[in-house]
Amino acid sequence: MITICLLQATVAVAQQKNVKQKDLHFHSITQAGLLAGSSDGQLLLQTTNGLKYKTYFAGAGVGLDYYQVRSVPVFIDLRKYIFDKPQSPFLYADAGVNFPWTRQNEENWNIKYKTGSYFDFGIGYHFPLKKSLALIVSGGYSQKTLSAKEYSMYWFLSSSWPPPGGYITNYDYTFRRFNIKAGLSF
């Protein structure tokens, strides 16, 4: 939905300002990174697809975040390149939804996670390699949230379902961490 709105806005701007075809480009960005916060570093993988107009980029992305609780962030990515040149520093901001990804047979079978939020912002540098291929490195700060309900091991002693409040513990997790990412843009 948000991606459709962004694309419609881009088309509307293109029609109003008579944007030349050479100024508007589709880009795909694939990155791998390391997340570090209060716990040991963990892996982050992301892919983003969108449109670049001169020094602006807007796209939609999805990732795989292994920090503490494995999750899948789905987000909008906005970038502003400082210079209108192939080699340029940039600022970026991502915001979206964070979906938990846990397996049924994991150790904590009595914990049920719920969707939370995700955001990430930072700075980076775009190094051109070939005509449409570039190396991207960036660093920033990100945060993901999740909530969970833990069902007591003794819920089966209750005669009603769902178990009464004494058998359920609610948790709200906020994971704050720094990231370093590297990847390719094409």
N, C-alpha and C. Protein backbone atom coordinates (compact mmCIF):
# COMPACT_ATOMS: atom_id res chain seq x y z
N MET A 1 0.83 -1.19 0.00
CA MET A 1 0.00 0.00 0.00
C MET A 1 0.87 1.25 0.00
N ILE A 2 1.83 1.29 0.93
CA ILE A 2 2.71 2.45 1.03
C ILE A 2 3.57 2.56 -0.23
N THR A 3 4.03 1.42 -0.73
CA THR A 3 4.85 1.43 -1.95
C THR A 3 4.05 1.98 -3.13
N ILE A 4 2.79 1.59 -3.24
CA ILE A 4 1.94 2.09 -4.32
C ILE A 4 1.79 3.60 -4.21
N CYS A 5 1.59 4.12 -2.99
CA CYS A 5 1.48 5.56 -2.79
C CYS A 5 2.76 6.28 -3.20
N LEU A 6 3.91 5.69 -2.83
CA LEU A 6 5.19 6.30 -3.21
C LEU A 6 5.36 6.32 -4.73
N LEU A 7 5.02 5.22 -5.37
CA LEU A 7 5.15 5.16 -6.83
C LEU A 7 4.21 6.15 -7.51
N GLN A 8 2.97 6.29 -6.99
CA GLN A 8 2.03 7.25 -7.56
C GLN A 8 2.53 8.67 -7.39
N ALA A 9 3.10 8.97 -6.22
CA ALA A 9 3.64 10.31 -5.98
C ALA A 9 4.80 10.59 -6.92
N THR A 10 5.65 9.59 -7.15
CA THR A 10 6.79 9.76 -8.05
C THR A 10 6.31 10.01 -9.47
N VAL A 11 5.30 9.28 -9.91
CA VAL A 11 4.75 9.47 -11.25
C VAL A 11 4.12 10.85 -11.37
N ALA A 12 3.41 11.29 -10.32
CA ALA A 12 2.78 12.61 -10.34
C ALA A 12 3.82 13.71 -10.44
N VAL A 13 4.91 13.58 -9.68
CA VAL A 13 6.00 14.57 -9.75
C VAL A 13 6.62 14.54 -11.13
N ALA A 14 6.80 13.35 -11.68
CA ALA A 14 7.40 13.22 -13.00
C ALA A 14 6.54 13.90 -14.06
N GLN A 15 5.23 13.78 -13.95
CA GLN A 15 4.34 14.39 -14.92
C GLN A 15 4.31 15.91 -14.76
N GLN A 16 4.35 16.40 -13.53
CA GLN A 16 4.28 17.84 -13.29
C GLN A 16 5.55 18.54 -13.74
N LYS A 17 6.69 17.94 -13.51
CA LYS A 17 7.95 18.60 -13.80
C LYS A 17 8.58 18.12 -15.10
N ASN A 18 7.87 17.33 -15.87
CA ASN A 18 8.40 16.78 -17.11
C ASN A 18 9.75 16.12 -16.87
N VAL A 19 9.79 15.20 -15.93
CA VAL A 19 11.02 14.50 -15.58
C VAL A 19 11.49 13.71 -16.79
N LYS A 20 12.75 13.85 -17.08
CA LYS A 20 13.32 13.11 -18.20
C LYS A 20 13.54 11.66 -17.78
N GLN A 21 13.36 10.76 -18.69
CA GLN A 21 13.50 9.34 -18.42
C GLN A 21 14.87 9.02 -17.85
N LYS A 22 15.89 9.73 -18.26
CA LYS A 22 17.24 9.46 -17.78
C LYS A 22 17.43 9.82 -16.30
N ASP A 23 16.56 10.66 -15.74
CA ASP A 23 16.68 11.07 -14.33
C ASP A 23 16.02 10.09 -13.37
N LEU A 24 15.11 9.26 -13.84
CA LEU A 24 14.37 8.34 -12.99
C LEU A 24 14.84 6.91 -13.26
N HIS A 25 15.36 6.24 -12.23
CA HIS A 25 15.93 4.90 -12.41
C HIS A 25 15.40 3.95 -11.35
N PHE A 26 15.21 2.70 -11.74
CA PHE A 26 14.89 1.63 -10.79
C PHE A 26 16.21 1.12 -10.21
N HIS A 27 16.25 0.93 -8.89
CA HIS A 27 17.45 0.40 -8.24
C HIS A 27 17.08 -0.72 -7.29
N SER A 28 17.96 -1.68 -7.17
CA SER A 28 17.83 -2.77 -6.22
C SER A 28 19.09 -2.74 -5.35
N ILE A 29 18.88 -2.78 -4.03
CA ILE A 29 19.99 -2.73 -3.09
C ILE A 29 19.93 -3.99 -2.23
N THR A 30 21.02 -4.74 -2.19
CA THR A 30 21.12 -5.95 -1.38
C THR A 30 22.29 -5.76 -0.42
N GLN A 31 22.02 -5.95 0.89
CA GLN A 31 23.04 -5.68 1.90
C GLN A 31 23.11 -6.80 2.93
N ALA A 32 24.28 -6.95 3.52
CA ALA A 32 24.49 -7.82 4.68
C ALA A 32 25.18 -6.96 5.72
N GLY A 33 24.88 -7.24 6.98
CA GLY A 33 25.48 -6.41 8.01
C GLY A 33 25.60 -7.11 9.35
N LEU A 34 26.14 -6.36 10.27
CA LEU A 34 26.34 -6.84 11.63
C LEU A 34 25.64 -5.89 12.58
N LEU A 35 24.84 -6.44 13.50
CA LEU A 35 24.13 -5.66 14.51
C LEU A 35 24.80 -5.88 15.85
N ALA A 36 25.07 -4.81 16.58
CA ALA A 36 25.70 -4.94 17.90
C ALA A 36 25.02 -3.99 18.87
N GLY A 37 24.63 -4.53 20.00
CA GLY A 37 24.01 -3.75 21.06
C GLY A 37 24.48 -4.27 22.39
N SER A 38 23.54 -4.54 23.29
CA SER A 38 23.92 -5.04 24.60
C SER A 38 24.33 -6.51 24.57
N SER A 39 24.05 -7.19 23.47
CA SER A 39 24.48 -8.58 23.33
C SER A 39 25.48 -8.69 22.17
N ASP A 40 25.99 -9.89 21.96
CA ASP A 40 26.95 -10.12 20.88
C ASP A 40 26.36 -9.75 19.53
N GLY A 41 27.24 -9.49 18.57
CA GLY A 41 26.82 -9.12 17.23
C GLY A 41 26.04 -10.22 16.55
N GLN A 42 25.09 -9.82 15.74
CA GLN A 42 24.26 -10.76 15.00
C GLN A 42 24.14 -10.30 13.56
N LEU A 43 23.73 -11.21 12.69
CA LEU A 43 23.63 -10.98 11.26
C LEU A 43 22.35 -10.25 10.88
N LEU A 44 22.45 -9.41 9.86
CA LEU A 44 21.31 -8.72 9.26
C LEU A 44 21.44 -8.84 7.75
N LEU A 45 20.37 -9.22 7.08
CA LEU A 45 20.31 -9.28 5.62
C LEU A 45 19.14 -8.42 5.17
N GLN A 46 19.33 -7.65 4.09
CA GLN A 46 18.26 -6.79 3.59
C GLN A 46 18.29 -6.70 2.08
N THR A 47 17.12 -6.53 1.49
CA THR A 47 17.01 -6.20 0.08
C THR A 47 15.95 -5.12 -0.07
N THR A 48 16.26 -4.13 -0.88
CA THR A 48 15.37 -2.98 -1.08
C THR A 48 15.26 -2.71 -2.57
N ASN A 49 14.07 -2.41 -3.02
CA ASN A 49 13.83 -2.07 -4.42
C ASN A 49 13.05 -0.77 -4.48
N GLY A 50 13.44 0.11 -5.39
CA GLY A 50 12.74 1.38 -5.48
C GLY A 50 13.21 2.22 -6.64
N LEU A 51 12.84 3.50 -6.59
CA LEU A 51 13.15 4.44 -7.65
C LEU A 51 14.07 5.53 -7.15
N LYS A 52 15.05 5.90 -8.01
CA LYS A 52 15.95 6.99 -7.69
C LYS A 52 15.69 8.12 -8.68
N TYR A 53 15.51 9.31 -8.14
CA TYR A 53 15.33 10.50 -8.95
C TYR A 53 16.39 11.51 -8.52
N LYS A 54 17.34 11.76 -9.39
CA LYS A 54 18.48 12.64 -9.12
C LYS A 54 19.17 12.22 -7.83
N THR A 55 18.99 12.96 -6.72
CA THR A 55 19.69 12.62 -5.48
C THR A 55 18.76 12.00 -4.43
N TYR A 56 17.56 11.59 -4.84
CA TYR A 56 16.59 11.00 -3.91
C TYR A 56 16.28 9.56 -4.29
N PHE A 57 16.10 8.72 -3.28
CA PHE A 57 15.72 7.33 -3.50
C PHE A 57 14.58 6.99 -2.54
N ALA A 58 13.57 6.31 -3.04
CA ALA A 58 12.46 5.81 -2.20
C ALA A 58 12.16 4.39 -2.64
N GLY A 59 12.06 3.49 -1.66
CA GLY A 59 11.80 2.10 -1.99
C GLY A 59 11.20 1.34 -0.84
N ALA A 60 10.89 0.10 -1.10
CA ALA A 60 10.35 -0.80 -0.09
C ALA A 60 11.35 -1.94 0.10
N GLY A 61 11.50 -2.39 1.34
CA GLY A 61 12.48 -3.43 1.60
C GLY A 61 11.99 -4.47 2.57
N VAL A 62 12.73 -5.57 2.62
CA VAL A 62 12.47 -6.66 3.55
C VAL A 62 13.82 -7.18 4.02
N GLY A 63 13.86 -7.66 5.24
CA GLY A 63 15.13 -8.14 5.77
C GLY A 63 14.98 -9.39 6.62
N LEU A 64 16.10 -9.85 7.10
CA LEU A 64 16.16 -10.96 8.03
C LEU A 64 17.09 -10.52 9.16
N ASP A 65 16.54 -10.39 10.36
CA ASP A 65 17.23 -9.81 11.50
C ASP A 65 17.40 -10.88 12.58
N TYR A 66 18.63 -11.26 12.86
CA TYR A 66 18.89 -12.33 13.82
C TYR A 66 19.20 -11.83 15.22
N TYR A 67 19.05 -10.54 15.49
CA TYR A 67 19.42 -10.00 16.79
C TYR A 67 18.41 -10.44 17.86
N GLN A 68 18.87 -11.17 18.86
CA GLN A 68 18.10 -11.71 19.98
C GLN A 68 16.98 -12.64 19.52
N VAL A 69 15.90 -12.08 19.00
CA VAL A 69 14.76 -12.86 18.49
C VAL A 69 14.74 -12.69 16.98
N ARG A 70 14.84 -13.80 16.25
CA ARG A 70 14.85 -13.72 14.79
C ARG A 70 13.54 -13.09 14.31
N SER A 71 13.66 -12.16 13.36
CA SER A 71 12.47 -11.47 12.86
C SER A 71 12.68 -11.03 11.41
N VAL A 72 11.58 -10.59 10.80
CA VAL A 72 11.58 -10.15 9.41
C VAL A 72 11.03 -8.72 9.37
N PRO A 73 11.90 -7.71 9.26
CA PRO A 73 11.41 -6.34 9.12
C PRO A 73 10.98 -6.06 7.68
N VAL A 74 9.84 -5.41 7.53
CA VAL A 74 9.35 -4.95 6.24
C VAL A 74 9.24 -3.44 6.36
N PHE A 75 9.89 -2.69 5.45
CA PHE A 75 10.07 -1.26 5.69
C PHE A 75 10.08 -0.44 4.42
N ILE A 76 9.93 0.87 4.62
CA ILE A 76 10.11 1.86 3.56
C ILE A 76 11.51 2.44 3.74
N ASP A 77 12.25 2.57 2.65
CA ASP A 77 13.62 3.08 2.69
C ASP A 77 13.67 4.40 1.94
N LEU A 78 14.14 5.45 2.60
CA LEU A 78 14.33 6.76 1.97
C LEU A 78 15.81 7.13 2.06
N ARG A 79 16.38 7.61 0.96
CA ARG A 79 17.79 8.00 0.93
C ARG A 79 17.94 9.35 0.25
N LYS A 80 18.90 10.11 0.75
CA LYS A 80 19.26 11.39 0.13
C LYS A 80 20.76 11.36 -0.12
N TYR A 81 21.14 11.35 -1.40
CA TYR A 81 22.54 11.41 -1.77
C TYR A 81 22.98 12.87 -1.71
N ILE A 82 24.12 13.12 -1.10
CA ILE A 82 24.59 14.48 -0.89
C ILE A 82 24.95 15.15 -2.21
N PHE A 83 25.60 14.42 -3.13
CA PHE A 83 26.01 14.97 -4.41
C PHE A 83 25.28 14.24 -5.54
N ASP A 84 25.05 14.94 -6.62
CA ASP A 84 24.42 14.33 -7.79
C ASP A 84 25.53 13.77 -8.70
N LYS A 85 26.31 12.85 -8.12
CA LYS A 85 27.44 12.23 -8.82
C LYS A 85 27.39 10.73 -8.56
N PRO A 86 28.08 9.93 -9.36
CA PRO A 86 28.09 8.48 -9.13
C PRO A 86 28.68 8.10 -7.76
N GLN A 87 29.70 8.82 -7.31
CA GLN A 87 30.31 8.54 -6.01
C GLN A 87 29.85 9.62 -5.04
N SER A 88 29.12 9.21 -3.98
CA SER A 88 28.55 10.21 -3.10
C SER A 88 28.22 9.63 -1.73
N PRO A 89 28.37 10.42 -0.68
CA PRO A 89 27.83 10.01 0.63
C PRO A 89 26.31 10.17 0.60
N PHE A 90 25.63 9.47 1.51
CA PHE A 90 24.18 9.58 1.58
C PHE A 90 23.69 9.43 3.02
N LEU A 91 22.48 9.90 3.25
CA LEU A 91 21.76 9.72 4.51
C LEU A 91 20.60 8.78 4.21
N TYR A 92 20.26 7.92 5.16
CA TYR A 92 19.12 7.03 4.93
C TYR A 92 18.26 6.91 6.19
N ALA A 93 17.00 6.58 5.97
CA ALA A 93 16.07 6.33 7.07
C ALA A 93 15.10 5.23 6.62
N ASP A 94 14.91 4.24 7.47
CA ASP A 94 13.97 3.14 7.21
C ASP A 94 12.96 3.10 8.34
N ALA A 95 11.71 2.81 8.03
CA ALA A 95 10.68 2.64 9.05
C ALA A 95 9.68 1.60 8.56
N GLY A 96 9.22 0.76 9.49
CA GLY A 96 8.25 -0.26 9.08
C GLY A 96 7.80 -1.15 10.21
N VAL A 97 7.43 -2.36 9.84
CA VAL A 97 6.85 -3.34 10.76
C VAL A 97 7.84 -4.49 10.92
N ASN A 98 7.91 -5.04 12.12
CA ASN A 98 8.82 -6.13 12.44
C ASN A 98 8.01 -7.38 12.78
N PHE A 99 8.14 -8.42 11.95
CA PHE A 99 7.40 -9.66 12.16
C PHE A 99 8.31 -10.70 12.81
N PRO A 100 7.88 -11.32 13.91
CA PRO A 100 8.70 -12.37 14.53
C PRO A 100 8.74 -13.60 13.63
N TRP A 101 9.85 -14.32 13.67
CA TRP A 101 9.98 -15.56 12.91
C TRP A 101 10.59 -16.60 13.84
N THR A 102 9.74 -17.33 14.50
CA THR A 102 10.20 -18.38 15.42
C THR A 102 9.64 -19.71 14.95
N ARG A 103 10.34 -20.75 15.27
CA ARG A 103 9.91 -22.10 14.89
C ARG A 103 9.09 -22.72 16.02
N GLN A 104 8.15 -23.56 15.66
CA GLN A 104 7.31 -24.21 16.66
C GLN A 104 8.10 -25.14 17.57
N ASN A 105 9.14 -25.75 17.06
CA ASN A 105 9.89 -26.73 17.85
C ASN A 105 11.06 -26.11 18.62
N GLU A 106 11.11 -24.77 18.69
CA GLU A 106 12.19 -24.14 19.43
C GLU A 106 12.00 -24.37 20.92
N GLU A 107 13.04 -24.10 21.67
CA GLU A 107 13.07 -24.35 23.11
C GLU A 107 11.94 -23.66 23.86
N ASN A 108 11.61 -22.44 23.48
CA ASN A 108 10.57 -21.67 24.17
C ASN A 108 9.22 -21.86 23.50
N TRP A 109 8.70 -23.05 23.47
CA TRP A 109 7.44 -23.35 22.80
C TRP A 109 6.26 -22.67 23.47
N ASN A 110 6.40 -22.24 24.72
CA ASN A 110 5.28 -21.63 25.44
C ASN A 110 5.27 -20.11 25.33
N ILE A 111 6.10 -19.52 24.45
CA ILE A 111 6.11 -18.08 24.22
C ILE A 111 5.56 -17.79 22.83
N LYS A 112 4.60 -16.89 22.76
CA LYS A 112 4.00 -16.48 21.49
C LYS A 112 4.35 -15.01 21.24
N TYR A 113 5.10 -14.73 20.15
CA TYR A 113 5.52 -13.38 19.83
C TYR A 113 4.50 -12.69 18.94
N LYS A 114 4.44 -11.35 19.05
CA LYS A 114 3.55 -10.54 18.23
C LYS A 114 4.37 -9.49 17.48
N THR A 115 3.81 -9.00 16.40
CA THR A 115 4.44 -8.01 15.53
C THR A 115 4.77 -6.73 16.30
N GLY A 116 5.88 -6.09 15.89
CA GLY A 116 6.30 -4.83 16.49
C GLY A 116 6.70 -3.83 15.43
N SER A 117 7.52 -2.87 15.80
CA SER A 117 7.96 -1.83 14.88
C SER A 117 9.44 -1.99 14.56
N TYR A 118 9.86 -1.28 13.51
CA TYR A 118 11.26 -1.32 13.08
C TYR A 118 11.64 0.03 12.52
N PHE A 119 12.80 0.55 12.92
CA PHE A 119 13.36 1.70 12.24
C PHE A 119 14.87 1.65 12.27
N ASP A 120 15.47 2.35 11.31
CA ASP A 120 16.92 2.33 11.11
C ASP A 120 17.29 3.64 10.41
N PHE A 121 18.31 4.32 10.89
CA PHE A 121 18.78 5.51 10.20
C PHE A 121 20.29 5.61 10.32
N GLY A 122 20.91 6.29 9.36
CA GLY A 122 22.36 6.40 9.39
C GLY A 122 22.92 7.09 8.17
N ILE A 123 24.22 6.88 7.98
CA ILE A 123 24.94 7.48 6.87
C ILE A 123 25.69 6.39 6.11
N GLY A 124 26.01 6.68 4.87
CA GLY A 124 26.73 5.70 4.07
C GLY A 124 27.46 6.34 2.92
N TYR A 125 28.08 5.49 2.11
CA TYR A 125 28.80 5.96 0.95
C TYR A 125 28.55 5.02 -0.22
N HIS A 126 28.37 5.60 -1.39
CA HIS A 126 28.04 4.90 -2.63
C HIS A 126 29.28 4.94 -3.54
N PHE A 127 29.91 3.77 -3.80
CA PHE A 127 31.10 3.67 -4.64
C PHE A 127 30.74 2.99 -5.95
N PRO A 128 30.79 3.67 -7.09
CA PRO A 128 30.48 3.01 -8.36
C PRO A 128 31.57 1.99 -8.73
N LEU A 129 31.13 0.83 -9.24
CA LEU A 129 32.07 -0.20 -9.68
C LEU A 129 32.07 -0.31 -11.20
N LYS A 130 30.88 -0.40 -11.77
CA LYS A 130 30.70 -0.45 -13.22
C LYS A 130 29.56 0.49 -13.56
N LYS A 131 29.09 0.41 -14.78
CA LYS A 131 28.06 1.34 -15.25
C LYS A 131 26.86 1.43 -14.30
N SER A 132 26.24 0.31 -13.97
CA SER A 132 25.06 0.35 -13.10
C SER A 132 25.25 -0.43 -11.81
N LEU A 133 26.46 -0.80 -11.48
CA LEU A 133 26.76 -1.57 -10.27
C LEU A 133 27.58 -0.71 -9.32
N ALA A 134 27.19 -0.73 -8.03
CA ALA A 134 27.91 0.08 -7.04
C ALA A 134 28.02 -0.68 -5.73
N LEU A 135 29.09 -0.39 -5.01
CA LEU A 135 29.29 -0.91 -3.65
C LEU A 135 28.75 0.14 -2.69
N ILE A 136 27.98 -0.32 -1.70
CA ILE A 136 27.41 0.58 -0.70
C ILE A 136 27.87 0.12 0.67
N VAL A 137 28.40 1.05 1.46
CA VAL A 137 28.73 0.78 2.86
C VAL A 137 28.01 1.81 3.70
N SER A 138 27.52 1.39 4.86
CA SER A 138 26.79 2.31 5.72
C SER A 138 26.89 1.89 7.17
N GLY A 139 26.60 2.82 8.03
CA GLY A 139 26.56 2.57 9.46
C GLY A 139 25.45 3.39 10.06
N GLY A 140 24.83 2.84 11.09
CA GLY A 140 23.72 3.58 11.69
C GLY A 140 23.23 2.97 12.98
N TYR A 141 22.06 3.40 13.35
CA TYR A 141 21.39 2.96 14.57
C TYR A 141 20.05 2.38 14.17
N SER A 142 19.69 1.25 14.75
CA SER A 142 18.38 0.68 14.45
C SER A 142 17.71 0.18 15.73
N GLN A 143 16.41 0.05 15.64
CA GLN A 143 15.63 -0.44 16.78
C GLN A 143 14.49 -1.30 16.26
N LYS A 144 14.28 -2.42 16.94
CA LYS A 144 13.12 -3.25 16.62
C LYS A 144 12.40 -3.56 17.92
N THR A 145 11.09 -3.66 17.83
CA THR A 145 10.29 -3.99 19.01
C THR A 145 9.46 -5.24 18.72
N LEU A 146 9.18 -5.98 19.76
CA LEU A 146 8.32 -7.15 19.71
C LEU A 146 7.61 -7.25 21.05
N SER A 147 6.46 -7.86 21.07
CA SER A 147 5.81 -8.19 22.34
C SER A 147 5.59 -9.70 22.36
N ALA A 148 5.47 -10.23 23.56
CA ALA A 148 5.31 -11.68 23.70
C ALA A 148 4.44 -12.01 24.88
N LYS A 149 3.79 -13.14 24.79
CA LYS A 149 3.03 -13.71 25.91
C LYS A 149 3.65 -15.06 26.23
N GLU A 150 4.00 -15.24 27.49
CA GLU A 150 4.54 -16.52 27.93
C GLU A 150 3.49 -17.22 28.76
N TYR A 151 3.13 -18.42 28.34
CA TYR A 151 2.14 -19.21 29.04
C TYR A 151 2.86 -20.08 30.06
N SER A 152 2.40 -20.03 31.29
CA SER A 152 3.03 -20.78 32.37
C SER A 152 3.01 -22.27 32.05
N MET A 153 4.00 -22.95 32.56
CA MET A 153 4.08 -24.40 32.37
C MET A 153 2.90 -25.11 33.03
N TYR A 154 2.24 -24.42 33.94
CA TYR A 154 1.15 -25.05 34.69
C TYR A 154 -0.23 -24.60 34.21
N TRP A 155 -0.32 -24.08 33.00
CA TRP A 155 -1.61 -23.63 32.49
C TRP A 155 -2.63 -24.77 32.42
N PHE A 156 -2.14 -25.98 32.27
CA PHE A 156 -3.06 -27.11 32.13
C PHE A 156 -3.81 -27.41 33.43
N LEU A 157 -3.36 -26.83 34.55
CA LEU A 157 -4.08 -27.01 35.82
C LEU A 157 -5.34 -26.16 35.87
N SER A 158 -5.42 -25.19 34.98
CA SER A 158 -6.60 -24.32 34.94
C SER A 158 -7.73 -25.06 34.24
N SER A 159 -8.95 -24.85 34.72
CA SER A 159 -10.09 -25.52 34.11
C SER A 159 -10.69 -24.72 32.97
N SER A 160 -10.15 -23.52 32.69
CA SER A 160 -10.70 -22.69 31.62
C SER A 160 -9.62 -22.37 30.59
N TRP A 161 -10.07 -22.06 29.38
CA TRP A 161 -9.15 -21.63 28.34
C TRP A 161 -9.65 -20.34 27.74
N PRO A 162 -8.91 -19.33 27.53
CA PRO A 162 -7.50 -19.26 27.85
C PRO A 162 -7.26 -19.23 29.35
N PRO A 163 -6.06 -19.56 29.77
CA PRO A 163 -5.78 -19.61 31.19
C PRO A 163 -5.97 -18.24 31.84
N PRO A 164 -6.31 -18.20 33.12
CA PRO A 164 -6.47 -16.92 33.80
C PRO A 164 -5.16 -16.15 33.80
N GLY A 165 -5.23 -14.84 34.08
CA GLY A 165 -4.08 -13.94 34.00
C GLY A 165 -2.86 -14.40 34.78
N GLY A 166 -3.01 -15.12 35.85
CA GLY A 166 -1.88 -15.57 36.65
C GLY A 166 -0.99 -16.55 35.93
N TYR A 167 -1.49 -17.13 34.85
CA TYR A 167 -0.71 -18.11 34.10
C TYR A 167 -0.06 -17.52 32.85
N ILE A 168 -0.29 -16.22 32.62
CA ILE A 168 0.26 -15.56 31.43
C ILE A 168 1.13 -14.38 31.87
N THR A 169 2.33 -14.29 31.29
CA THR A 169 3.21 -13.16 31.55
C THR A 169 3.43 -12.44 30.22
N ASN A 170 3.23 -11.12 30.22
CA ASN A 170 3.41 -10.31 29.02
C ASN A 170 4.78 -9.64 29.04
N TYR A 171 5.44 -9.61 27.88
CA TYR A 171 6.73 -8.97 27.73
C TYR A 171 6.69 -8.00 26.56
N ASP A 172 7.36 -6.88 26.71
CA ASP A 172 7.56 -5.93 25.61
C ASP A 172 9.06 -5.76 25.43
N TYR A 173 9.56 -6.14 24.26
CA TYR A 173 10.99 -6.07 23.98
C TYR A 173 11.29 -4.89 23.07
N THR A 174 12.35 -4.16 23.39
CA THR A 174 12.89 -3.11 22.53
C THR A 174 14.37 -3.39 22.39
N PHE A 175 14.79 -3.69 21.18
CA PHE A 175 16.20 -4.00 20.91
C PHE A 175 16.83 -2.82 20.19
N ARG A 176 17.73 -2.14 20.88
CA ARG A 176 18.45 -1.00 20.31
C ARG A 176 19.86 -1.45 19.98
N ARG A 177 20.32 -1.10 18.77
CA ARG A 177 21.64 -1.59 18.36
C ARG A 177 22.23 -0.73 17.26
N PHE A 178 23.54 -0.81 17.11
CA PHE A 178 24.25 -0.15 16.03
C PHE A 178 24.47 -1.16 14.92
N ASN A 179 24.57 -0.66 13.70
CA ASN A 179 24.77 -1.58 12.58
C ASN A 179 25.85 -1.07 11.64
N ILE A 180 26.48 -2.02 10.99
CA ILE A 180 27.42 -1.76 9.89
C ILE A 180 26.97 -2.68 8.77
N LYS A 181 26.73 -2.08 7.58
CA LYS A 181 26.24 -2.85 6.44
C LYS A 181 27.09 -2.60 5.21
N ALA A 182 27.17 -3.61 4.37
CA ALA A 182 27.84 -3.48 3.06
C ALA A 182 27.02 -4.27 2.06
N GLY A 183 26.98 -3.77 0.84
CA GLY A 183 26.19 -4.47 -0.17
C GLY A 183 26.39 -3.89 -1.56
N LEU A 184 25.51 -4.32 -2.45
CA LEU A 184 25.58 -3.91 -3.85
C LEU A 184 24.29 -3.22 -4.25
N SER A 185 24.43 -2.23 -5.10
CA SER A 185 23.28 -1.56 -5.70
C SER A 185 23.40 -1.74 -7.21
N PHE A 186 22.31 -2.09 -7.84
CA PHE A 186 22.31 -2.25 -9.29
C PHE A 186 20.99 -1.82 -9.86
